[in-house]
């Protein structure tokens, strides 16, 4: 992987879904479908840990309704890298925002809002995206001064 091998920088891995993680990846299923010869089943947590060495890995859940059945077990494995969208329509913008926050090209949530406005997104979508990435932004020290709530006002502090 060029970014890792040549520059020592992690790549980005976005997985989207609405099912809880399996306990492990079945060695026989891998042999049958991919032809790779795994000697034994691999716990999903081990795969996530290994992938996280060279990737900023995120699990995106398309909406809050689907999150009810799968967020907790994914969050137990990936922490703040589990992102629950308000609507699947924001997937691309949220992924781009996560990259910008992680790379530091977006300094904080205020910069996120300004950038999304500059590229022409409507205030409702901007507010959804900021709410969606808020916990992650705070976890990496890029939280901004306040967070948007319905109607575009800013609310101080955490939920």
N, C-alpha and C. Protein backbone atom coordinates (compact mmCIF):
# COMPACT_ATOMS: atom_id res chain seq x y z
N UNK A 1 0.85 -1.17 0.00
CA UNK A 1 0.00 0.00 0.00
C UNK A 1 0.90 1.23 0.00
N UNK A 2 0.79 2.00 -1.04
CA UNK A 2 1.69 3.11 -1.29
C UNK A 2 1.76 4.10 -0.13
N UNK A 3 0.63 4.52 0.40
CA UNK A 3 0.64 5.53 1.46
C UNK A 3 1.38 5.02 2.70
N UNK A 4 1.28 3.74 2.98
CA UNK A 4 1.93 3.17 4.15
C UNK A 4 3.40 2.86 3.88
N UNK A 5 3.66 2.18 2.76
CA UNK A 5 5.01 1.73 2.45
C UNK A 5 5.95 2.88 2.11
N UNK A 6 5.48 3.87 1.37
CA UNK A 6 6.36 4.96 0.94
C UNK A 6 6.36 6.16 1.88
N UNK A 7 5.23 6.42 2.55
CA UNK A 7 5.14 7.62 3.37
C UNK A 7 4.86 7.34 4.85
N UNK A 8 4.63 6.10 5.20
CA UNK A 8 4.34 5.77 6.60
C UNK A 8 3.03 6.34 7.10
N UNK A 9 2.09 6.57 6.18
CA UNK A 9 0.78 7.14 6.55
C UNK A 9 -0.30 6.09 6.33
N UNK A 10 -1.23 6.05 7.27
CA UNK A 10 -2.33 5.10 7.16
C UNK A 10 -3.27 5.47 6.01
N UNK A 11 -3.89 4.45 5.46
CA UNK A 11 -4.96 4.64 4.49
C UNK A 11 -6.29 4.75 5.22
N UNK A 12 -7.37 4.77 4.46
CA UNK A 12 -8.71 4.88 5.04
C UNK A 12 -9.54 3.69 4.61
N UNK A 13 -10.24 3.10 5.57
CA UNK A 13 -11.10 1.96 5.34
C UNK A 13 -12.48 2.31 5.87
N UNK A 14 -13.46 2.35 4.98
CA UNK A 14 -14.83 2.61 5.38
C UNK A 14 -15.65 1.36 5.09
N UNK A 15 -16.27 0.84 6.14
CA UNK A 15 -17.17 -0.30 6.02
C UNK A 15 -18.54 0.23 6.39
N UNK A 16 -19.53 -0.13 5.63
CA UNK A 16 -20.88 0.28 5.98
C UNK A 16 -21.75 -0.96 6.12
N UNK A 17 -22.64 -0.93 7.08
CA UNK A 17 -23.49 -2.09 7.28
C UNK A 17 -24.51 -1.84 8.37
N UNK A 18 -25.34 -2.87 8.57
CA UNK A 18 -26.38 -2.76 9.59
C UNK A 18 -26.59 -4.08 10.34
N UNK A 19 -25.54 -4.89 10.37
CA UNK A 19 -25.60 -6.16 11.09
C UNK A 19 -24.52 -6.17 12.17
N UNK A 20 -24.76 -6.85 13.28
CA UNK A 20 -23.70 -6.99 14.28
C UNK A 20 -22.53 -7.78 13.68
N UNK A 21 -21.33 -7.59 14.23
CA UNK A 21 -20.18 -8.34 13.71
C UNK A 21 -20.29 -9.82 14.06
N UNK A 22 -19.76 -10.64 13.19
CA UNK A 22 -19.63 -12.06 13.52
C UNK A 22 -18.56 -12.19 14.60
N UNK A 23 -18.57 -13.29 15.30
CA UNK A 23 -17.56 -13.54 16.32
C UNK A 23 -16.19 -13.74 15.67
N UNK A 24 -16.18 -14.44 14.53
CA UNK A 24 -14.92 -14.71 13.86
C UNK A 24 -15.15 -14.91 12.36
N UNK A 25 -14.07 -14.85 11.61
CA UNK A 25 -14.10 -15.17 10.19
C UNK A 25 -13.79 -16.65 10.09
N UNK A 26 -14.67 -17.38 9.46
CA UNK A 26 -14.58 -18.83 9.37
C UNK A 26 -13.53 -19.24 8.34
N UNK A 27 -12.53 -20.01 8.78
CA UNK A 27 -11.43 -20.43 7.90
C UNK A 27 -11.94 -21.22 6.70
N UNK A 28 -12.89 -22.09 6.92
CA UNK A 28 -13.42 -22.90 5.81
C UNK A 28 -14.13 -22.02 4.78
N UNK A 29 -14.88 -21.03 5.24
CA UNK A 29 -15.57 -20.12 4.31
C UNK A 29 -14.56 -19.33 3.48
N UNK A 30 -13.46 -18.92 4.09
CA UNK A 30 -12.41 -18.20 3.35
C UNK A 30 -11.79 -19.12 2.30
N UNK A 31 -11.50 -20.37 2.67
CA UNK A 31 -10.96 -21.32 1.69
C UNK A 31 -11.92 -21.53 0.54
N UNK A 32 -13.21 -21.70 0.85
CA UNK A 32 -14.22 -21.96 -0.18
C UNK A 32 -14.43 -20.78 -1.12
N UNK A 33 -14.45 -19.59 -0.59
CA UNK A 33 -14.80 -18.41 -1.39
C UNK A 33 -13.60 -17.68 -1.98
N UNK A 34 -12.49 -17.70 -1.27
CA UNK A 34 -11.32 -16.90 -1.71
C UNK A 34 -10.13 -17.76 -2.11
N UNK A 35 -10.13 -19.01 -1.68
CA UNK A 35 -9.02 -19.89 -1.99
C UNK A 35 -7.83 -19.75 -1.06
N UNK A 36 -7.89 -18.83 -0.12
CA UNK A 36 -6.80 -18.66 0.84
C UNK A 36 -6.88 -19.76 1.90
N UNK A 37 -5.74 -20.25 2.30
CA UNK A 37 -5.70 -21.36 3.25
C UNK A 37 -5.43 -20.86 4.66
N UNK A 38 -6.49 -20.48 5.35
CA UNK A 38 -6.35 -20.11 6.76
C UNK A 38 -6.31 -21.38 7.59
N UNK A 39 -5.45 -21.43 8.56
CA UNK A 39 -5.31 -22.62 9.41
C UNK A 39 -6.42 -22.72 10.45
N UNK A 40 -6.96 -21.55 10.84
CA UNK A 40 -8.00 -21.56 11.87
C UNK A 40 -8.87 -20.31 11.72
N UNK A 41 -10.01 -20.32 12.37
CA UNK A 41 -10.89 -19.15 12.38
C UNK A 41 -10.14 -17.98 13.02
N UNK A 42 -10.48 -16.77 12.56
CA UNK A 42 -9.82 -15.57 13.09
C UNK A 42 -10.88 -14.69 13.76
N UNK A 43 -10.71 -14.36 15.04
CA UNK A 43 -11.67 -13.46 15.70
C UNK A 43 -11.74 -12.11 14.98
N UNK A 44 -12.94 -11.58 14.83
CA UNK A 44 -13.13 -10.30 14.15
C UNK A 44 -12.34 -9.20 14.84
N UNK A 45 -12.27 -9.22 16.15
CA UNK A 45 -11.49 -8.22 16.88
C UNK A 45 -10.03 -8.22 16.46
N UNK A 46 -9.47 -9.40 16.19
CA UNK A 46 -8.07 -9.49 15.74
C UNK A 46 -7.91 -8.87 14.35
N UNK A 47 -8.91 -9.07 13.49
CA UNK A 47 -8.86 -8.51 12.14
C UNK A 47 -8.93 -6.98 12.21
N UNK A 48 -9.82 -6.48 13.05
CA UNK A 48 -9.93 -5.03 13.22
C UNK A 48 -8.62 -4.46 13.75
N UNK A 49 -8.05 -5.11 14.75
CA UNK A 49 -6.78 -4.65 15.32
C UNK A 49 -5.68 -4.63 14.26
N UNK A 50 -5.60 -5.66 13.46
CA UNK A 50 -4.57 -5.73 12.42
C UNK A 50 -4.80 -4.66 11.35
N UNK A 51 -6.04 -4.51 10.90
CA UNK A 51 -6.34 -3.49 9.88
C UNK A 51 -6.04 -2.09 10.40
N UNK A 52 -6.26 -1.87 11.69
CA UNK A 52 -6.05 -0.54 12.28
C UNK A 52 -4.58 -0.14 12.35
N UNK A 53 -3.70 -1.08 12.13
CA UNK A 53 -2.27 -0.75 12.10
C UNK A 53 -1.91 0.07 10.86
N UNK A 54 -2.63 -0.16 9.76
CA UNK A 54 -2.30 0.53 8.51
C UNK A 54 -3.47 1.33 7.92
N UNK A 55 -4.61 1.29 8.59
CA UNK A 55 -5.79 2.02 8.12
C UNK A 55 -6.44 2.77 9.27
N UNK A 56 -7.01 3.91 8.97
CA UNK A 56 -7.99 4.54 9.84
C UNK A 56 -9.30 3.86 9.45
N UNK A 57 -9.74 2.91 10.26
CA UNK A 57 -10.91 2.09 9.92
C UNK A 57 -12.16 2.65 10.59
N UNK A 58 -13.22 2.79 9.81
CA UNK A 58 -14.50 3.30 10.30
C UNK A 58 -15.61 2.34 9.90
N UNK A 59 -16.57 2.16 10.79
CA UNK A 59 -17.79 1.41 10.48
C UNK A 59 -18.93 2.40 10.45
N UNK A 60 -19.53 2.60 9.27
CA UNK A 60 -20.62 3.55 9.09
C UNK A 60 -21.95 2.82 9.10
N UNK A 61 -22.83 3.24 9.98
CA UNK A 61 -24.18 2.68 10.04
C UNK A 61 -25.11 3.68 9.37
N UNK A 62 -25.90 3.25 8.37
CA UNK A 62 -26.65 4.18 7.52
C UNK A 62 -27.67 5.07 8.20
N UNK A 63 -28.24 4.65 9.33
CA UNK A 63 -29.23 5.50 9.99
C UNK A 63 -29.43 5.01 11.43
N UNK A 64 -30.10 5.83 12.22
CA UNK A 64 -30.27 5.54 13.63
C UNK A 64 -31.16 4.33 13.89
N UNK A 65 -32.12 4.09 13.02
CA UNK A 65 -32.99 2.93 13.18
C UNK A 65 -32.18 1.64 13.10
N UNK A 66 -31.31 1.54 12.11
CA UNK A 66 -30.49 0.34 11.95
C UNK A 66 -29.44 0.22 13.06
N UNK A 67 -29.02 1.36 13.59
CA UNK A 67 -28.01 1.35 14.65
C UNK A 67 -28.53 0.61 15.89
N UNK A 68 -29.84 0.62 16.10
CA UNK A 68 -30.39 -0.03 17.29
C UNK A 68 -30.01 -1.51 17.35
N UNK A 69 -29.83 -2.16 16.20
CA UNK A 69 -29.54 -3.59 16.24
C UNK A 69 -28.05 -3.91 16.12
N UNK A 70 -27.20 -2.90 15.83
CA UNK A 70 -25.79 -3.27 15.62
C UNK A 70 -24.76 -2.31 16.19
N UNK A 71 -25.15 -1.13 16.66
CA UNK A 71 -24.14 -0.15 17.09
C UNK A 71 -23.31 -0.65 18.27
N UNK A 72 -23.95 -1.14 19.32
CA UNK A 72 -23.21 -1.50 20.53
C UNK A 72 -22.09 -2.50 20.27
N UNK A 73 -22.35 -3.64 19.60
CA UNK A 73 -21.24 -4.58 19.41
C UNK A 73 -20.11 -4.03 18.53
N UNK A 74 -20.45 -3.20 17.54
CA UNK A 74 -19.39 -2.58 16.75
C UNK A 74 -18.62 -1.55 17.57
N UNK A 75 -19.34 -0.76 18.37
CA UNK A 75 -18.67 0.24 19.19
C UNK A 75 -17.75 -0.42 20.22
N UNK A 76 -18.15 -1.59 20.73
CA UNK A 76 -17.29 -2.33 21.65
C UNK A 76 -15.98 -2.71 20.99
N UNK A 77 -15.98 -2.91 19.68
CA UNK A 77 -14.78 -3.29 18.95
C UNK A 77 -14.01 -2.10 18.38
N UNK A 78 -14.73 -1.01 18.03
CA UNK A 78 -14.08 0.08 17.30
C UNK A 78 -14.23 1.45 17.94
N UNK A 79 -14.90 1.55 19.07
CA UNK A 79 -15.02 2.82 19.79
C UNK A 79 -15.64 3.93 18.95
N UNK A 80 -15.02 5.11 19.00
CA UNK A 80 -15.55 6.28 18.30
C UNK A 80 -15.39 6.20 16.78
N UNK A 81 -14.84 5.12 16.28
CA UNK A 81 -14.73 4.92 14.83
C UNK A 81 -15.99 4.29 14.26
N UNK A 82 -16.99 4.09 15.12
CA UNK A 82 -18.32 3.69 14.66
C UNK A 82 -19.12 4.97 14.52
N UNK A 83 -19.63 5.20 13.32
CA UNK A 83 -20.31 6.45 13.01
C UNK A 83 -21.74 6.12 12.59
N UNK A 84 -22.70 6.68 13.32
CA UNK A 84 -24.12 6.47 13.00
C UNK A 84 -24.63 7.70 12.26
N UNK A 85 -24.98 7.50 11.00
CA UNK A 85 -25.50 8.59 10.19
C UNK A 85 -26.98 8.81 10.50
N UNK A 86 -27.44 10.03 10.25
CA UNK A 86 -28.87 10.29 10.38
C UNK A 86 -29.61 9.82 9.14
N UNK A 87 -28.93 9.83 8.00
CA UNK A 87 -29.49 9.32 6.75
C UNK A 87 -28.35 8.83 5.88
N UNK A 88 -28.60 7.75 5.15
CA UNK A 88 -27.58 7.19 4.26
C UNK A 88 -27.14 8.18 3.18
N UNK A 89 -27.96 9.17 2.91
CA UNK A 89 -27.63 10.15 1.87
C UNK A 89 -26.39 10.98 2.21
N UNK A 90 -25.98 10.99 3.47
CA UNK A 90 -24.81 11.76 3.90
C UNK A 90 -23.52 10.94 3.88
N UNK A 91 -23.56 9.70 3.42
CA UNK A 91 -22.41 8.80 3.54
C UNK A 91 -21.13 9.39 2.96
N UNK A 92 -21.17 9.87 1.73
CA UNK A 92 -19.95 10.39 1.09
C UNK A 92 -19.43 11.62 1.81
N UNK A 93 -20.32 12.54 2.16
CA UNK A 93 -19.90 13.77 2.84
C UNK A 93 -19.34 13.46 4.22
N UNK A 94 -19.93 12.50 4.93
CA UNK A 94 -19.43 12.12 6.24
C UNK A 94 -18.05 11.48 6.10
N UNK A 95 -17.88 10.58 5.14
CA UNK A 95 -16.57 9.95 4.95
C UNK A 95 -15.50 11.00 4.64
N UNK A 96 -15.81 11.94 3.75
CA UNK A 96 -14.85 13.00 3.42
C UNK A 96 -14.55 13.86 4.64
N UNK A 97 -15.55 14.14 5.44
CA UNK A 97 -15.37 14.94 6.66
C UNK A 97 -14.48 14.20 7.66
N UNK A 98 -14.69 12.90 7.81
CA UNK A 98 -13.85 12.12 8.72
C UNK A 98 -12.39 12.15 8.28
N UNK A 99 -12.16 12.06 6.98
CA UNK A 99 -10.78 12.14 6.47
C UNK A 99 -10.20 13.52 6.78
N UNK A 100 -10.96 14.57 6.50
CA UNK A 100 -10.48 15.93 6.76
C UNK A 100 -10.15 16.17 8.22
N UNK A 101 -11.00 15.69 9.11
CA UNK A 101 -10.75 15.84 10.54
C UNK A 101 -9.51 15.04 10.96
N UNK A 102 -9.41 13.81 10.49
CA UNK A 102 -8.29 12.96 10.86
C UNK A 102 -6.97 13.52 10.35
N UNK A 103 -6.97 14.01 9.12
CA UNK A 103 -5.74 14.55 8.52
C UNK A 103 -5.40 15.94 9.05
N UNK A 104 -6.38 16.60 9.67
CA UNK A 104 -6.14 17.94 10.18
C UNK A 104 -6.39 19.04 9.16
N UNK A 105 -6.87 18.68 7.97
CA UNK A 105 -7.22 19.71 7.00
C UNK A 105 -8.50 20.43 7.40
N UNK A 106 -9.28 19.81 8.26
CA UNK A 106 -10.43 20.45 8.91
C UNK A 106 -10.07 20.53 10.39
N UNK A 107 -9.81 21.73 10.87
CA UNK A 107 -9.28 21.92 12.22
C UNK A 107 -10.26 21.53 13.31
N UNK A 108 -11.56 21.74 13.06
CA UNK A 108 -12.57 21.46 14.07
C UNK A 108 -13.94 21.49 13.42
N UNK A 109 -14.98 21.35 14.23
CA UNK A 109 -16.34 21.32 13.68
C UNK A 109 -16.73 22.65 13.05
N UNK A 110 -16.18 23.74 13.55
CA UNK A 110 -16.48 25.03 12.94
C UNK A 110 -15.93 25.07 11.51
N UNK A 111 -14.73 24.53 11.31
CA UNK A 111 -14.15 24.46 9.97
C UNK A 111 -14.94 23.52 9.08
N UNK A 112 -15.46 22.45 9.65
CA UNK A 112 -16.31 21.53 8.89
C UNK A 112 -17.51 22.29 8.35
N UNK A 113 -18.21 22.99 9.22
CA UNK A 113 -19.39 23.75 8.81
C UNK A 113 -19.08 24.75 7.73
N UNK A 114 -17.99 25.51 7.90
CA UNK A 114 -17.62 26.53 6.91
C UNK A 114 -17.29 25.89 5.57
N UNK A 115 -16.57 24.79 5.59
CA UNK A 115 -16.19 24.11 4.34
C UNK A 115 -17.43 23.55 3.63
N UNK A 116 -18.30 22.89 4.38
CA UNK A 116 -19.49 22.32 3.77
C UNK A 116 -20.39 23.41 3.20
N UNK A 117 -20.46 24.54 3.87
CA UNK A 117 -21.23 25.67 3.36
C UNK A 117 -20.60 26.21 2.08
N UNK A 118 -19.28 26.33 2.06
CA UNK A 118 -18.57 26.86 0.91
C UNK A 118 -18.77 25.98 -0.33
N UNK A 119 -18.88 24.66 -0.14
CA UNK A 119 -19.08 23.79 -1.30
C UNK A 119 -20.55 23.66 -1.71
N UNK A 120 -21.41 24.37 -0.99
CA UNK A 120 -22.79 24.48 -1.43
C UNK A 120 -23.81 23.58 -0.78
N UNK A 121 -23.47 22.92 0.32
CA UNK A 121 -24.47 22.10 1.00
C UNK A 121 -25.45 22.99 1.77
N UNK A 122 -26.66 22.52 1.89
CA UNK A 122 -27.69 23.26 2.61
C UNK A 122 -27.48 23.12 4.12
N UNK A 123 -27.97 24.09 4.88
CA UNK A 123 -27.73 24.11 6.32
C UNK A 123 -28.24 22.86 7.03
N UNK A 124 -29.37 22.32 6.61
CA UNK A 124 -29.89 21.10 7.26
C UNK A 124 -28.93 19.94 7.12
N UNK A 125 -28.37 19.76 5.92
CA UNK A 125 -27.42 18.67 5.72
C UNK A 125 -26.11 18.95 6.47
N UNK A 126 -25.66 20.19 6.46
CA UNK A 126 -24.45 20.55 7.20
C UNK A 126 -24.62 20.20 8.68
N UNK A 127 -25.75 20.57 9.25
CA UNK A 127 -26.00 20.28 10.66
C UNK A 127 -26.04 18.78 10.93
N UNK A 128 -26.66 18.02 10.03
CA UNK A 128 -26.69 16.55 10.19
C UNK A 128 -25.27 15.98 10.18
N UNK A 129 -24.46 16.43 9.24
CA UNK A 129 -23.10 15.91 9.13
C UNK A 129 -22.29 16.25 10.37
N UNK A 130 -22.41 17.46 10.86
CA UNK A 130 -21.68 17.86 12.07
C UNK A 130 -22.13 17.02 13.26
N UNK A 131 -23.44 16.83 13.42
CA UNK A 131 -23.93 16.00 14.52
C UNK A 131 -23.37 14.57 14.40
N UNK A 132 -23.31 14.08 13.18
CA UNK A 132 -22.86 12.72 12.93
C UNK A 132 -21.40 12.52 13.33
N UNK A 133 -20.54 13.49 13.06
CA UNK A 133 -19.11 13.32 13.33
C UNK A 133 -18.67 13.91 14.67
N UNK A 134 -19.60 14.50 15.41
CA UNK A 134 -19.25 15.21 16.64
C UNK A 134 -18.45 14.38 17.64
N UNK A 135 -18.90 13.18 17.96
CA UNK A 135 -18.19 12.37 18.97
C UNK A 135 -16.79 12.01 18.49
N UNK A 136 -16.66 11.67 17.22
CA UNK A 136 -15.33 11.36 16.70
C UNK A 136 -14.44 12.59 16.75
N UNK A 137 -14.95 13.73 16.31
CA UNK A 137 -14.16 14.97 16.33
C UNK A 137 -13.68 15.27 17.75
N UNK A 138 -14.55 15.12 18.72
CA UNK A 138 -14.16 15.36 20.12
C UNK A 138 -13.09 14.37 20.56
N UNK A 139 -13.20 13.12 20.10
CA UNK A 139 -12.25 12.09 20.53
C UNK A 139 -10.84 12.35 20.02
N UNK A 140 -10.71 13.13 18.94
CA UNK A 140 -9.38 13.45 18.42
C UNK A 140 -9.01 14.92 18.66
N UNK A 141 -9.78 15.58 19.52
CA UNK A 141 -9.46 16.96 19.89
C UNK A 141 -9.82 18.00 18.85
N UNK A 142 -10.82 17.73 18.03
CA UNK A 142 -11.23 18.67 16.98
C UNK A 142 -12.72 18.99 17.09
N UNK A 143 -13.21 19.16 18.31
CA UNK A 143 -14.64 19.31 18.54
C UNK A 143 -15.26 20.66 18.26
N UNK A 144 -14.52 21.73 18.26
CA UNK A 144 -15.13 23.04 18.04
C UNK A 144 -15.79 23.57 19.30
N UNK A 145 -16.46 24.70 19.18
CA UNK A 145 -17.04 25.38 20.34
C UNK A 145 -18.41 24.87 20.73
N UNK A 146 -19.21 24.44 19.80
CA UNK A 146 -20.56 23.98 20.11
C UNK A 146 -21.05 23.12 18.99
N UNK A 147 -22.18 22.53 19.17
CA UNK A 147 -22.68 21.66 18.11
C UNK A 147 -24.03 22.13 17.63
N UNK A 148 -24.31 21.94 16.35
CA UNK A 148 -25.61 22.36 15.83
C UNK A 148 -26.72 21.43 16.31
N UNK A 149 -27.85 22.00 16.56
CA UNK A 149 -29.05 21.23 16.86
C UNK A 149 -30.08 21.59 15.80
N UNK A 150 -31.22 20.97 15.84
CA UNK A 150 -32.25 21.28 14.86
C UNK A 150 -32.46 22.79 14.75
N UNK A 151 -32.58 23.28 13.54
CA UNK A 151 -32.81 24.69 13.31
C UNK A 151 -31.52 25.48 13.15
N UNK A 152 -30.35 24.82 13.33
CA UNK A 152 -29.09 25.48 13.08
C UNK A 152 -28.47 26.19 14.26
N UNK A 153 -29.17 26.26 15.41
CA UNK A 153 -28.58 26.91 16.58
C UNK A 153 -27.44 26.05 17.11
N UNK A 154 -26.60 26.63 17.95
CA UNK A 154 -25.50 25.86 18.53
C UNK A 154 -25.81 25.58 19.99
N UNK A 155 -25.46 24.37 20.40
CA UNK A 155 -25.67 23.93 21.78
C UNK A 155 -24.30 23.71 22.40
N UNK A 156 -24.11 24.20 23.58
CA UNK A 156 -22.82 24.03 24.29
C UNK A 156 -22.79 22.71 25.00
N UNK A 157 -21.62 22.08 24.99
CA UNK A 157 -21.41 20.87 25.78
C UNK A 157 -21.93 19.62 25.11
N UNK A 158 -21.87 18.52 25.85
CA UNK A 158 -22.25 17.19 25.37
C UNK A 158 -23.71 16.91 25.66
N UNK A 159 -24.20 15.86 25.05
CA UNK A 159 -25.59 15.44 25.25
C UNK A 159 -25.82 15.03 26.69
